[in-house]
Amino acid sequence: MGARLDEGTLRSYLERAVESSDPDVRQVHEDAFLTYLYTLDVFEVWGRSLARHYGRTNDWEEVRQVITEELISYIRQITPETVGSIDRIAAHLYFKAKTSVVRWLDSPAVTVASEMSGISRRYRQSMVARSEFVTKFEREPSDRELVEYINTKVTATRKNAAKQGALVSESDVSGRMLQSYSMDHQLGDGEGEGFGRPTEDSTVRVRGELSITTRRLAEIAEARFGAVTEPTVREVLHVWMEFVLDNEPPTVSSIAVKLQITRPLARERMRQVDSVLAILRGDQG
C-alpha cells in the first residue's frame, strides 16, 4: 500500500476515540488519528496508487480527495463494535478507500466528465498540430487538412488508433464539439435530427447529440431542483462543465472557490449535480 502504518498506533487512536463518552474528547482523538494518517502522506500515497491502478493517473488529486472525504466521514461514525471486529486497521481502511474510488469511478459525473474531457483533449491536440502545420508548410490548414495531418501521424505509431478513440474529426479541430457543451448552445441545421440513429453526416449527428445532452441536463436541473437558489443547480452544472473542459477536476473545493460559497453548500450542490447526471444516464440507458 505504500504508506508504513503502525497497527498498534492506529488501534490505540481509534479505541480512545470510540470509548469516549464526551463528543468533544472523541473528536480530539479522531483528529489525532486523521493527523497521523496525514503526516504519513497516507491520503496522497493511496490516492496515487489507486489512480494508477484504475488507469486514472492524471486524476490522482481527485482520487485523493475522494479517499480523504470517505475516511474522514467513516472515522467520525465508527462504533466500538466495528473497531473491535476489525482484524487489521490499515487493511480495513485501505479497503474502504478503494471501495469509495470504485463508487466514484462508476458515478454519472465521472462518466460524463470522461467523455467531455476526451473532446477537450483532442481539441488541444489539434491546436498544437495546427502550429506544427503552419511552421512546416507556411500556411493555415483547412479543418480537413488538419484532420488528415493529425490522423496520419497517429496511425503511424498506433495500430488500433481508431478503436482507442485517438483519431480526431473536423468537429474536434474546429472546436464545434466544445461549443455543443455550452448551456446556451442553439441547435444548428441538422443537429439532433434522428437522435441516436446513423445519418450521412456523423459529425453533425454527434454534435447534435451533445447539444441535446446539454439541453436535457439543463431541463432536468430545472425540473428537479428549480426551487434551489444561490447558486442554482444549473449554475453549478455550468461551472462543473467548465472545469472538465479545461481539464481541471471539478472538486468541492474548486466549485466553492469559483462560486464563492461554503464547502458544505458546494458539496450539497455537487450531490445534486450528480443526481442530475444519474437521471440523464437513466434516460439514455
C-alpha atoms as a PDB file:
ATOM      1  CA  MET A   1       0.000   0.000   0.000  1.00  0.00           C
ATOM      2  CA  GLY A   2       2.985   2.316   0.197  1.00  0.00           C
ATOM      3  CA  ALA A   3       2.460   4.212   3.468  1.00  0.00           C
ATOM      4  CA  ARG A   4       4.005   2.472   6.511  1.00  0.00           C
ATOM      5  CA  LEU A   5       1.350   2.445   9.224  1.00  0.00           C
ATOM      6  CA  ASP A   6       1.860   1.140  12.739  1.00  0.00           C
ATOM      7  CA  GLU A   7      -1.073  -1.117  13.597  1.00  0.00           C
ATOM      8  CA  GLY A   8      -0.729  -0.528  17.345  1.00  0.00           C
ATOM      9  CA  THR A   9      -0.826   3.257  16.921  1.00  0.00           C
ATOM     10  CA  LEU A  10      -3.864   3.096  14.646  1.00  0.00           C
ATOM     11  CA  ARG A  11      -5.805   0.885  17.058  1.00  0.00           C
ATOM     12  CA  SER A  12      -4.826   2.991  20.057  1.00  0.00           C
ATOM     13  CA  TYR A  13      -6.133   6.195  18.462  1.00  0.00           C
ATOM     14  CA  LEU A  14      -9.401   4.574  17.367  1.00  0.00           C
ATOM     15  CA  GLU A  15     -10.086   2.824  20.654  1.00  0.00           C
ATOM     16  CA  ARG A  16      -9.573   6.033  22.609  1.00  0.00           C
ATOM     17  CA  ALA A  17     -11.952   7.822  20.256  1.00  0.00           C
ATOM     18  CA  VAL A  18     -14.823   5.335  20.339  1.00  0.00           C
ATOM     19  CA  GLU A  19     -14.531   4.694  24.097  1.00  0.00           C
ATOM     20  CA  SER A  20     -15.003   8.376  24.913  1.00  0.00           C
ATOM     21  CA  SER A  21     -18.483   9.408  26.016  1.00  0.00           C
ATOM     22  CA  ASP A  22     -17.689  13.106  25.594  1.00  0.00           C
ATOM     23  CA  PRO A  23     -18.184  14.191  21.935  1.00  0.00           C
ATOM     24  CA  ASP A  24     -15.511  16.866  22.221  1.00  0.00           C
ATOM     25  CA  VAL A  25     -12.963  14.435  23.625  1.00  0.00           C
ATOM     26  CA  ARG A  26     -13.852  11.907  20.959  1.00  0.00           C
ATOM     27  CA  GLN A  27     -13.255  14.493  18.246  1.00  0.00           C
ATOM     28  CA  VAL A  28      -9.830  15.274  19.703  1.00  0.00           C
ATOM     29  CA  HIS A  29      -8.834  11.610  19.371  1.00  0.00           C
ATOM     30  CA  GLU A  30     -10.378  11.369  15.891  1.00  0.00           C
ATOM     31  CA  ASP A  31      -8.419  14.428  14.799  1.00  0.00           C
ATOM     32  CA  ALA A  32      -5.236  12.924  16.214  1.00  0.00           C
ATOM     33  CA  PHE A  33      -5.906   9.723  14.241  1.00  0.00           C
ATOM     34  CA  LEU A  34      -6.522  11.636  10.995  1.00  0.00           C
ATOM     35  CA  THR A  35      -3.453  13.813  11.601  1.00  0.00           C
ATOM     36  CA  TYR A  36      -1.384  10.636  11.972  1.00  0.00           C
ATOM     37  CA  LEU A  37      -2.616   9.479   8.566  1.00  0.00           C
ATOM     38  CA  TYR A  38      -1.926  12.910   7.081  1.00  0.00           C
ATOM     39  CA  THR A  39       1.631  13.188   8.425  1.00  0.00           C
ATOM     40  CA  LEU A  40       2.468   9.833   6.816  1.00  0.00           C
ATOM     41  CA  ASP A  41       1.030  11.024   3.474  1.00  0.00           C
ATOM     42  CA  VAL A  42      -1.475   8.175   3.512  1.00  0.00           C
ATOM     43  CA  PHE A  43      -4.106  10.069   1.530  1.00  0.00           C
ATOM     44  CA  GLU A  44      -1.623  11.032  -1.189  1.00  0.00           C
ATOM     45  CA  VAL A  45       0.084   7.636  -1.358  1.00  0.00           C
ATOM     46  CA  TRP A  46      -3.205   5.768  -1.598  1.00  0.00           C
ATOM     47  CA  GLY A  47      -4.608   8.363  -3.983  1.00  0.00           C
ATOM     48  CA  ARG A  48      -1.717   7.984  -6.408  1.00  0.00           C
ATOM     49  CA  SER A  49      -1.714   4.206  -6.057  1.00  0.00           C
ATOM     50  CA  LEU A  50      -5.432   3.761  -6.720  1.00  0.00           C
ATOM     51  CA  ALA A  51      -5.444   6.317  -9.539  1.00  0.00           C
ATOM     52  CA  ARG A  52      -2.664   4.360 -11.204  1.00  0.00           C
ATOM     53  CA  HIS A  53      -4.420   1.030 -10.516  1.00  0.00           C
ATOM     54  CA  TYR A  54      -7.602   2.201 -12.258  1.00  0.00           C
ATOM     55  CA  GLY A  55      -5.830   3.921 -15.155  1.00  0.00           C
ATOM     56  CA  ARG A  56      -6.652   7.449 -13.948  1.00  0.00           C
ATOM     57  CA  THR A  57      -3.116   8.666 -13.160  1.00  0.00           C
ATOM     58  CA  ASN A  58      -3.876  12.253 -14.159  1.00  0.00           C
ATOM     59  CA  ASP A  59      -6.816  12.318 -11.746  1.00  0.00           C
ATOM     60  CA  TRP A  60      -4.842  11.319  -8.641  1.00  0.00           C
ATOM     61  CA  GLU A  61      -5.676  14.565  -6.815  1.00  0.00           C
ATOM     62  CA  GLU A  62      -9.390  13.975  -7.308  1.00  0.00           C
ATOM     63  CA  VAL A  63      -8.956  10.361  -6.168  1.00  0.00           C
ATOM     64  CA  ARG A  64      -7.079  11.611  -3.108  1.00  0.00           C
ATOM     65  CA  GLN A  65      -9.977  13.907  -2.233  1.00  0.00           C
ATOM     66  CA  VAL A  66     -12.494  11.084  -2.655  1.00  0.00           C
ATOM     67  CA  ILE A  67     -10.432   8.927  -0.292  1.00  0.00           C
ATOM     68  CA  THR A  68      -9.930  11.739   2.228  1.00  0.00           C
ATOM     69  CA  GLU A  69     -13.620  12.588   2.462  1.00  0.00           C
ATOM     70  CA  GLU A  70     -14.581   8.908   2.698  1.00  0.00           C
ATOM     71  CA  LEU A  71     -12.161   8.134   5.532  1.00  0.00           C
ATOM     72  CA  ILE A  72     -12.971  11.286   7.497  1.00  0.00           C
ATOM     73  CA  SER A  73     -16.697  10.504   7.279  1.00  0.00           C
ATOM     74  CA  TYR A  74     -16.079   6.866   8.231  1.00  0.00           C
ATOM     75  CA  ILE A  75     -13.924   7.687  11.258  1.00  0.00           C
ATOM     76  CA  ARG A  76     -16.493  10.215  12.514  1.00  0.00           C
ATOM     77  CA  GLN A  77     -19.162   7.485  12.547  1.00  0.00           C
ATOM     78  CA  ILE A  78     -17.235   4.353  13.524  1.00  0.00           C
ATOM     79  CA  THR A  79     -18.549   2.439  16.574  1.00  0.00           C
ATOM     80  CA  PRO A  80     -16.761   0.474  19.334  1.00  0.00           C
ATOM     81  CA  GLU A  81     -18.255  -2.736  17.945  1.00  0.00           C
ATOM     82  CA  THR A  82     -16.805  -2.080  14.498  1.00  0.00           C
ATOM     83  CA  VAL A  83     -13.363  -1.274  15.879  1.00  0.00           C
ATOM     84  CA  GLY A  84     -13.433  -4.452  17.963  1.00  0.00           C
ATOM     85  CA  SER A  85     -14.325  -6.575  14.919  1.00  0.00           C
ATOM     86  CA  ILE A  86     -11.526  -5.236  12.686  1.00  0.00           C
ATOM     87  CA  ASP A  87      -8.556  -7.576  12.394  1.00  0.00           C
ATOM     88  CA  ARG A  88      -6.130  -5.142  10.682  1.00  0.00           C
ATOM     89  CA  ILE A  89      -6.968  -1.443  10.805  1.00  0.00           C
ATOM     90  CA  ALA A  90      -4.706  -0.373   7.913  1.00  0.00           C
ATOM     91  CA  ALA A  91      -6.041  -3.046   5.545  1.00  0.00           C
ATOM     92  CA  HIS A  92      -9.612  -2.232   6.566  1.00  0.00           C
ATOM     93  CA  LEU A  93      -9.139   1.479   5.845  1.00  0.00           C
ATOM     94  CA  TYR A  94      -7.479   0.760   2.506  1.00  0.00           C
ATOM     95  CA  PHE A  95     -10.443  -1.407   1.514  1.00  0.00           C
ATOM     96  CA  LYS A  96     -12.785   1.459   2.454  1.00  0.00           C
ATOM     97  CA  ALA A  97     -10.678   3.855   0.377  1.00  0.00           C
ATOM     98  CA  LYS A  98     -10.653   1.515  -2.617  1.00  0.00           C
ATOM     99  CA  THR A  99     -14.415   0.983  -2.427  1.00  0.00           C
ATOM    100  CA  SER A 100     -15.022   4.740  -2.400  1.00  0.00           C
ATOM    101  CA  VAL A 101     -12.885   5.152  -5.517  1.00  0.00           C
ATOM    102  CA  VAL A 102     -14.807   2.392  -7.314  1.00  0.00           C
ATOM    103  CA  ARG A 103     -18.090   4.165  -6.473  1.00  0.00           C
ATOM    104  CA  TRP A 104     -16.637   7.446  -7.686  1.00  0.00           C
ATOM    105  CA  LEU A 105     -15.448   5.926 -10.972  1.00  0.00           C
ATOM    106  CA  ASP A 106     -18.901   4.490 -11.592  1.00  0.00           C
ATOM    107  CA  SER A 107     -20.677   7.757 -10.815  1.00  0.00           C
ATOM    108  CA  PRO A 108     -22.539   9.573 -13.603  1.00  0.00           C
ATOM    109  CA  ALA A 109     -20.361  12.644 -13.048  1.00  0.00           C
ATOM    110  CA  VAL A 110     -17.173  10.752 -13.893  1.00  0.00           C
ATOM    111  CA  THR A 111     -18.779   9.010 -16.882  1.00  0.00           C
ATOM    112  CA  VAL A 112     -19.935  12.275 -18.472  1.00  0.00           C
ATOM    113  CA  ALA A 113     -16.724  14.078 -17.494  1.00  0.00           C
ATOM    114  CA  SER A 114     -14.594  11.433 -19.221  1.00  0.00           C
ATOM    115  CA  GLU A 115     -16.466  11.964 -22.488  1.00  0.00           C
ATOM    116  CA  MET A 116     -16.200  15.733 -22.239  1.00  0.00           C
ATOM    117  CA  SER A 117     -12.509  15.771 -21.311  1.00  0.00           C
ATOM    118  CA  GLY A 118     -11.760  13.489 -24.269  1.00  0.00           C
ATOM    119  CA  ILE A 119     -13.284  16.063 -26.614  1.00  0.00           C
ATOM    120  CA  SER A 120     -11.363  18.860 -24.904  1.00  0.00           C
ATOM    121  CA  ARG A 121      -8.092  16.902 -25.117  1.00  0.00           C
ATOM    122  CA  ARG A 122      -8.497  16.301 -28.850  1.00  0.00           C
ATOM    123  CA  TYR A 123      -9.167  19.997 -29.407  1.00  0.00           C
ATOM    124  CA  ARG A 124      -5.970  20.985 -27.546  1.00  0.00           C
ATOM    125  CA  GLN A 125      -4.077  18.347 -29.542  1.00  0.00           C
ATOM    126  CA  SER A 126      -5.342  19.929 -32.766  1.00  0.00           C
ATOM    127  CA  MET A 127      -4.094  23.375 -31.676  1.00  0.00           C
ATOM    128  CA  VAL A 128      -0.565  22.003 -31.283  1.00  0.00           C
ATOM    129  CA  ALA A 129      -0.814  20.224 -34.639  1.00  0.00           C
ATOM    130  CA  ARG A 130      -2.080  23.388 -36.321  1.00  0.00           C
ATOM    131  CA  SER A 131       1.015  25.253 -35.151  1.00  0.00           C
ATOM    132  CA  GLU A 132       3.244  22.455 -36.461  1.00  0.00           C
ATOM    133  CA  PHE A 133       1.452  22.513 -39.826  1.00  0.00           C
ATOM    134  CA  VAL A 134       1.879  26.297 -40.211  1.00  0.00           C
ATOM    135  CA  THR A 135       5.583  26.046 -39.342  1.00  0.00           C
ATOM    136  CA  LYS A 136       6.112  23.219 -41.811  1.00  0.00           C
ATOM    137  CA  PHE A 137       4.027  24.453 -44.762  1.00  0.00           C
ATOM    138  CA  GLU A 138       3.931  28.209 -44.041  1.00  0.00           C
ATOM    139  CA  ARG A 139       0.153  28.474 -44.389  1.00  0.00           C
ATOM    140  CA  GLU A 140      -3.004  27.830 -42.397  1.00  0.00           C
ATOM    141  CA  PRO A 141      -4.565  24.388 -42.945  1.00  0.00           C
ATOM    142  CA  SER A 142      -8.240  23.782 -43.588  1.00  0.00           C
ATOM    143  CA  ASP A 143     -10.040  21.682 -40.977  1.00  0.00           C
ATOM    144  CA  ARG A 144      -9.990  18.695 -43.324  1.00  0.00           C
ATOM    145  CA  GLU A 145      -6.248  19.059 -43.971  1.00  0.00           C
ATOM    146  CA  LEU A 146      -5.566  19.307 -40.247  1.00  0.00           C
ATOM    147  CA  VAL A 147      -7.610  16.169 -39.531  1.00  0.00           C
ATOM    148  CA  GLU A 148      -5.636  14.271 -42.183  1.00  0.00           C
ATOM    149  CA  TYR A 149      -2.336  15.634 -40.842  1.00  0.00           C
ATOM    150  CA  ILE A 150      -3.097  14.585 -37.233  1.00  0.00           C
ATOM    151  CA  ASN A 151      -4.605  11.188 -38.012  1.00  0.00           C
ATOM    152  CA  THR A 152      -1.746  10.263 -40.366  1.00  0.00           C
ATOM    153  CA  LYS A 153       0.742  10.914 -37.568  1.00  0.00           C
ATOM    154  CA  VAL A 154      -1.338   8.995 -35.024  1.00  0.00           C
ATOM    155  CA  THR A 155      -1.934   5.916 -37.178  1.00  0.00           C
ATOM    156  CA  ALA A 156       1.783   5.742 -37.988  1.00  0.00           C
ATOM    157  CA  THR A 157       2.542   4.924 -34.355  1.00  0.00           C
ATOM    158  CA  ARG A 158      -0.700   3.394 -33.046  1.00  0.00           C
ATOM    159  CA  LYS A 159      -2.076   0.337 -34.811  1.00  0.00           C
ATOM    160  CA  ASN A 160      -5.502   0.456 -33.116  1.00  0.00           C
ATOM    161  CA  ALA A 161      -5.856   4.242 -33.060  1.00  0.00           C
ATOM    162  CA  ALA A 162      -9.469   4.184 -34.270  1.00  0.00           C
ATOM    163  CA  LYS A 163     -10.587   1.645 -31.646  1.00  0.00           C
ATOM    164  CA  GLN A 164      -8.735   3.588 -28.949  1.00  0.00           C
ATOM    165  CA  GLY A 165     -10.573   6.816 -29.821  1.00  0.00           C
ATOM    166  CA  ALA A 166      -7.301   8.541 -30.744  1.00  0.00           C
ATOM    167  CA  LEU A 167      -8.424   9.858 -34.137  1.00  0.00           C
ATOM    168  CA  VAL A 168      -9.846  13.362 -34.485  1.00  0.00           C
ATOM    169  CA  SER A 169     -12.732  14.727 -36.555  1.00  0.00           C
ATOM    170  CA  GLU A 170     -13.362  18.110 -38.164  1.00  0.00           C
ATOM    171  CA  SER A 171     -15.606  18.994 -35.214  1.00  0.00           C
ATOM    172  CA  ASP A 172     -12.712  18.305 -32.842  1.00  0.00           C
ATOM    173  CA  VAL A 173     -10.269  20.596 -34.640  1.00  0.00           C
ATOM    174  CA  SER A 174     -12.810  23.390 -35.179  1.00  0.00           C
ATOM    175  CA  GLY A 175     -13.994  23.417 -31.577  1.00  0.00           C
ATOM    176  CA  ARG A 176     -17.623  22.793 -32.542  1.00  0.00           C
ATOM    177  CA  MET A 177     -17.767  19.809 -30.180  1.00  0.00           C
ATOM    178  CA  LEU A 178     -16.797  22.057 -27.280  1.00  0.00           C
ATOM    179  CA  GLN A 179     -19.415  24.643 -28.259  1.00  0.00           C
ATOM    180  CA  SER A 180     -22.041  21.912 -28.118  1.00  0.00           C
ATOM    181  CA  TYR A 181     -21.448  21.562 -24.386  1.00  0.00           C
ATOM    182  CA  SER A 182     -22.431  25.168 -23.733  1.00  0.00           C
ATOM    183  CA  MET A 183     -25.707  25.540 -21.821  1.00  0.00           C
ATOM    184  CA  ASP A 184     -26.645  28.324 -24.231  1.00  0.00           C
ATOM    185  CA  HIS A 185     -25.776  26.464 -27.452  1.00  0.00           C
ATOM    186  CA  GLN A 186     -28.560  26.513 -30.034  1.00  0.00           C
ATOM    187  CA  LEU A 187     -29.038  23.576 -32.377  1.00  0.00           C
ATOM    188  CA  GLY A 188     -27.889  24.299 -35.914  1.00  0.00           C
ATOM    189  CA  ASP A 189     -29.282  22.944 -39.179  1.00  0.00           C
ATOM    190  CA  GLY A 190     -29.434  19.171 -38.998  1.00  0.00           C
ATOM    191  CA  GLU A 191     -28.251  18.936 -35.381  1.00  0.00           C
ATOM    192  CA  GLY A 192     -30.258  16.492 -33.334  1.00  0.00           C
ATOM    193  CA  GLU A 193     -32.212  15.104 -36.278  1.00  0.00           C
ATOM    194  CA  GLY A 194     -32.573  11.357 -35.922  1.00  0.00           C
ATOM    195  CA  PHE A 195     -31.025  11.417 -32.433  1.00  0.00           C
ATOM    196  CA  GLY A 196     -29.274   8.120 -31.744  1.00  0.00           C
ATOM    197  CA  ARG A 197     -29.579   6.908 -35.353  1.00  0.00           C
ATOM    198  CA  PRO A 198     -26.953   6.986 -38.130  1.00  0.00           C
ATOM    199  CA  THR A 199     -27.060   9.846 -40.607  1.00  0.00           C
ATOM    200  CA  GLU A 200     -24.973  10.678 -43.655  1.00  0.00           C
ATOM    201  CA  ASP A 201     -23.044  13.284 -41.655  1.00  0.00           C
ATOM    202  CA  SER A 202     -21.871  11.653 -38.426  1.00  0.00           C
ATOM    203  CA  THR A 203     -20.167  14.898 -37.343  1.00  0.00           C
ATOM    204  CA  VAL A 204     -23.488  16.764 -37.364  1.00  0.00           C
ATOM    205  CA  ARG A 205     -25.223  13.838 -35.646  1.00  0.00           C
ATOM    206  CA  VAL A 206     -22.666  13.629 -32.818  1.00  0.00           C
ATOM    207  CA  ARG A 207     -22.607  17.393 -32.356  1.00  0.00           C
ATOM    208  CA  GLY A 208     -26.385  17.375 -32.222  1.00  0.00           C
ATOM    209  CA  GLU A 209     -26.367  14.597 -29.622  1.00  0.00           C
ATOM    210  CA  LEU A 210     -24.006  16.636 -27.450  1.00  0.00           C
ATOM    211  CA  SER A 211     -26.271  19.673 -27.768  1.00  0.00           C
ATOM    212  CA  ILE A 212     -29.310  17.628 -26.843  1.00  0.00           C
ATOM    213  CA  THR A 213     -27.425  16.093 -23.919  1.00  0.00           C
ATOM    214  CA  THR A 214     -26.541  19.532 -22.549  1.00  0.00           C
ATOM    215  CA  ARG A 215     -30.061  20.858 -23.082  1.00  0.00           C
ATOM    216  CA  ARG A 216     -31.501  17.776 -21.373  1.00  0.00           C
ATOM    217  CA  LEU A 217     -29.175  18.309 -18.375  1.00  0.00           C
ATOM    218  CA  ALA A 218     -30.455  21.875 -18.036  1.00  0.00           C
ATOM    219  CA  GLU A 219     -34.061  20.681 -18.231  1.00  0.00           C
ATOM    220  CA  ILE A 220     -33.514  18.023 -15.560  1.00  0.00           C
ATOM    221  CA  ALA A 221     -31.779  20.517 -13.281  1.00  0.00           C
ATOM    222  CA  GLU A 222     -34.684  22.957 -13.606  1.00  0.00           C
ATOM    223  CA  ALA A 223     -37.353  20.285 -13.145  1.00  0.00           C
ATOM    224  CA  ARG A 224     -35.772  18.556 -10.168  1.00  0.00           C
ATOM    225  CA  PHE A 225     -34.088  21.465  -8.401  1.00  0.00           C
ATOM    226  CA  GLY A 226     -35.858  24.536  -9.779  1.00  0.00           C
ATOM    227  CA  ALA A 227     -36.521  25.895  -6.284  1.00  0.00           C
ATOM    228  CA  VAL A 228     -32.839  25.719  -5.336  1.00  0.00           C
ATOM    229  CA  THR A 229     -31.111  29.104  -5.489  1.00  0.00           C
ATOM    230  CA  GLU A 230     -27.856  30.891  -4.672  1.00  0.00           C
ATOM    231  CA  PRO A 231     -26.454  29.182  -6.623  1.00  0.00           C
ATOM    232  CA  THR A 232     -28.876  27.198  -8.768  1.00  0.00           C
ATOM    233  CA  VAL A 233     -28.013  23.632  -9.703  1.00  0.00           C
ATOM    234  CA  ARG A 234     -27.891  24.701 -13.341  1.00  0.00           C
ATOM    235  CA  GLU A 235     -25.280  27.352 -12.485  1.00  0.00           C
ATOM    236  CA  VAL A 236     -23.173  24.761 -10.649  1.00  0.00           C
ATOM    237  CA  LEU A 237     -23.578  22.325 -13.548  1.00  0.00           C
ATOM    238  CA  HIS A 238     -22.327  25.025 -15.922  1.00  0.00           C
ATOM    239  CA  VAL A 239     -19.218  25.651 -13.781  1.00  0.00           C
ATOM    240  CA  TRP A 240     -18.704  21.879 -13.433  1.00  0.00           C
ATOM    241  CA  MET A 241     -18.608  21.612 -17.237  1.00  0.00           C
ATOM    242  CA  GLU A 242     -16.136  24.495 -17.493  1.00  0.00           C
ATOM    243  CA  PHE A 243     -13.729  22.745 -15.141  1.00  0.00           C
ATOM    244  CA  VAL A 244     -13.997  19.440 -17.027  1.00  0.00           C
ATOM    245  CA  LEU A 245     -13.429  21.038 -20.422  1.00  0.00           C
ATOM    246  CA  ASP A 246     -10.407  22.906 -19.035  1.00  0.00           C
ATOM    247  CA  ASN A 247      -9.068  19.518 -17.895  1.00  0.00           C
ATOM    248  CA  GLU A 248      -9.320  20.546 -14.242  1.00  0.00           C
ATOM    249  CA  PRO A 249     -11.010  18.381 -11.590  1.00  0.00           C
ATOM    250  CA  PRO A 250     -14.401  19.851 -10.541  1.00  0.00           C
ATOM    251  CA  THR A 251     -13.861  19.224  -6.834  1.00  0.00           C
ATOM    252  CA  VAL A 252     -15.921  20.510  -3.928  1.00  0.00           C
ATOM    253  CA  SER A 253     -13.096  22.926  -3.084  1.00  0.00           C
ATOM    254  CA  SER A 254     -12.740  24.271  -6.620  1.00  0.00           C
ATOM    255  CA  ILE A 255     -16.510  24.738  -7.000  1.00  0.00           C
ATOM    256  CA  ALA A 256     -16.662  26.532  -3.636  1.00  0.00           C
ATOM    257  CA  VAL A 257     -13.870  28.926  -4.629  1.00  0.00           C
ATOM    258  CA  LYS A 258     -15.249  29.564  -8.128  1.00  0.00           C
ATOM    259  CA  LEU A 259     -18.774  30.339  -6.897  1.00  0.00           C
ATOM    260  CA  GLN A 260     -17.643  31.914  -3.604  1.00  0.00           C
ATOM    261  CA  ILE A 261     -19.792  29.618  -1.483  1.00  0.00           C
ATOM    262  CA  THR A 262     -19.071  27.445   1.558  1.00  0.00           C
ATOM    263  CA  ARG A 263     -17.705  23.925   1.183  1.00  0.00           C
ATOM    264  CA  PRO A 264     -20.812  22.320   2.743  1.00  0.00           C
ATOM    265  CA  LEU A 265     -23.018  24.157   0.241  1.00  0.00           C
ATOM    266  CA  ALA A 266     -20.680  23.222  -2.619  1.00  0.00           C
ATOM    267  CA  ARG A 267     -20.777  19.580  -1.511  1.00  0.00           C
ATOM    268  CA  GLU A 268     -24.579  19.631  -1.472  1.00  0.00           C
ATOM    269  CA  ARG A 269     -24.736  21.191  -4.948  1.00  0.00           C
ATOM    270  CA  MET A 270     -22.252  18.602  -6.256  1.00  0.00           C
ATOM    271  CA  ARG A 271     -24.514  15.831  -4.935  1.00  0.00           C
ATOM    272  CA  GLN A 272     -27.410  17.467  -6.773  1.00  0.00           C
ATOM    273  CA  VAL A 273     -25.367  17.719  -9.983  1.00  0.00           C
ATOM    274  CA  ASP A 274     -24.535  14.019  -9.673  1.00  0.00           C
ATOM    275  CA  SER A 275     -28.257  13.318  -9.260  1.00  0.00           C
ATOM    276  CA  VAL A 276     -28.994  15.225 -12.480  1.00  0.00           C
ATOM    277  CA  LEU A 277     -26.314  13.248 -14.326  1.00  0.00           C
ATOM    278  CA  ALA A 278     -27.694   9.984 -12.930  1.00  0.00           C
ATOM    279  CA  ILE A 279     -31.153  10.805 -14.285  1.00  0.00           C
ATOM    280  CA  LEU A 280     -29.629  11.588 -17.684  1.00  0.00           C
ATOM    281  CA  ARG A 281     -27.782   8.276 -17.745  1.00  0.00           C
ATOM    282  CA  GLY A 282     -31.032   6.507 -16.843  1.00  0.00           C
ATOM    283  CA  ASP A 283     -32.766   8.263 -19.744  1.00  0.00           C
ATOM    284  CA  GLN A 284     -30.102   7.036 -22.149  1.00  0.00           C
ATOM    285  CA  GLY A 285     -29.884   3.521 -20.728  1.00  0.00           C
END
